[in-house]
Protein backbone atom coordinates (compact mmCIF):
# COMPACT_ATOMS: atom_id res chain seq x y z
CA MET A 1 51.60 54.29 19.81
CA LYS A 2 52.03 54.76 23.52
CA ILE A 3 49.13 56.46 25.28
CA ASN A 4 50.16 59.23 27.63
CA SER A 5 47.39 60.56 29.86
CA LYS A 6 49.48 63.58 30.90
CA ILE A 7 49.70 64.71 27.25
CA ASP A 8 45.95 64.19 26.86
CA ALA A 9 45.25 66.18 30.03
CA LEU A 10 47.53 69.05 28.93
CA GLN A 11 45.90 69.19 25.50
CA LEU A 12 42.41 69.21 27.02
CA MET A 13 43.30 71.97 29.46
CA LEU A 14 44.82 74.08 26.67
CA THR A 15 41.65 73.62 24.62
CA ASP A 16 39.59 74.69 27.62
CA LEU A 17 41.71 77.80 28.27
CA ARG A 18 41.58 78.80 24.60
CA THR A 19 37.79 78.52 24.52
CA ARG A 20 36.15 81.83 25.27
CA ASN A 21 34.14 81.35 28.43
CA GLU A 22 31.91 84.40 28.15
CA PRO A 23 30.27 84.20 31.62
CA ILE A 24 33.71 84.17 33.28
CA ARG A 25 35.06 86.95 31.05
CA HIS A 26 31.94 89.00 31.77
CA LYS A 27 32.50 88.55 35.52
CA ALA A 28 36.13 89.64 35.15
CA ALA A 29 35.06 92.74 33.22
CA PHE A 30 32.37 93.53 35.80
CA LYS A 31 34.91 93.26 38.64
CA GLY A 32 37.36 95.43 36.71
CA CYS A 33 40.06 92.79 36.41
CA GLN A 34 39.71 91.79 32.76
CA PRO A 35 43.29 92.77 31.76
CA GLU A 36 44.73 90.84 34.72
CA PHE A 37 42.46 87.89 33.93
CA GLN A 38 43.56 87.81 30.29
CA SER A 39 47.20 88.11 31.30
CA LEU A 40 46.81 85.15 33.64
CA VAL A 41 45.11 83.07 30.95
CA SER A 42 47.97 83.87 28.55
CA ARG A 43 50.60 82.92 31.13
CA LEU A 44 48.84 79.66 31.91
CA ILE A 45 48.57 78.80 28.21
CA LYS A 46 52.30 79.45 27.72
CA GLN A 47 53.21 77.37 30.77
CA LEU A 48 51.02 74.46 29.68
CA GLU A 49 52.33 74.62 26.10
CA ASP A 50 55.89 74.39 27.45
CA GLU A 51 54.93 71.40 29.62
CA LEU A 52 53.24 69.74 26.65
CA VAL A 53 56.33 70.10 24.45
CA ALA A 54 58.54 68.74 27.24
CA GLU A 55 56.22 65.80 27.85
CA LYS A 56 56.09 64.96 24.13
CA LEU A 57 59.90 65.01 23.96
CA THR A 58 60.16 62.78 27.03
CA ASN A 59 57.56 60.44 25.57
CA ARG A 60 59.50 60.16 22.28
CA GLU A 61 62.75 59.40 24.06
CA SER A 62 61.31 56.52 26.06
């Protein structure tokens, strides 16, 4: 099996984004930007998931 560090990095970042970081979420709520913060997290997750799928397809083809 070919090791792909980009796939590993994408998977780690997705895990990190999906983990509830309470101090950061508390700060966002305190500053009144929690909905915007959550929207950004969701957009980043979607973007990284798309990149991960593309990278896995590219990795399979090579």
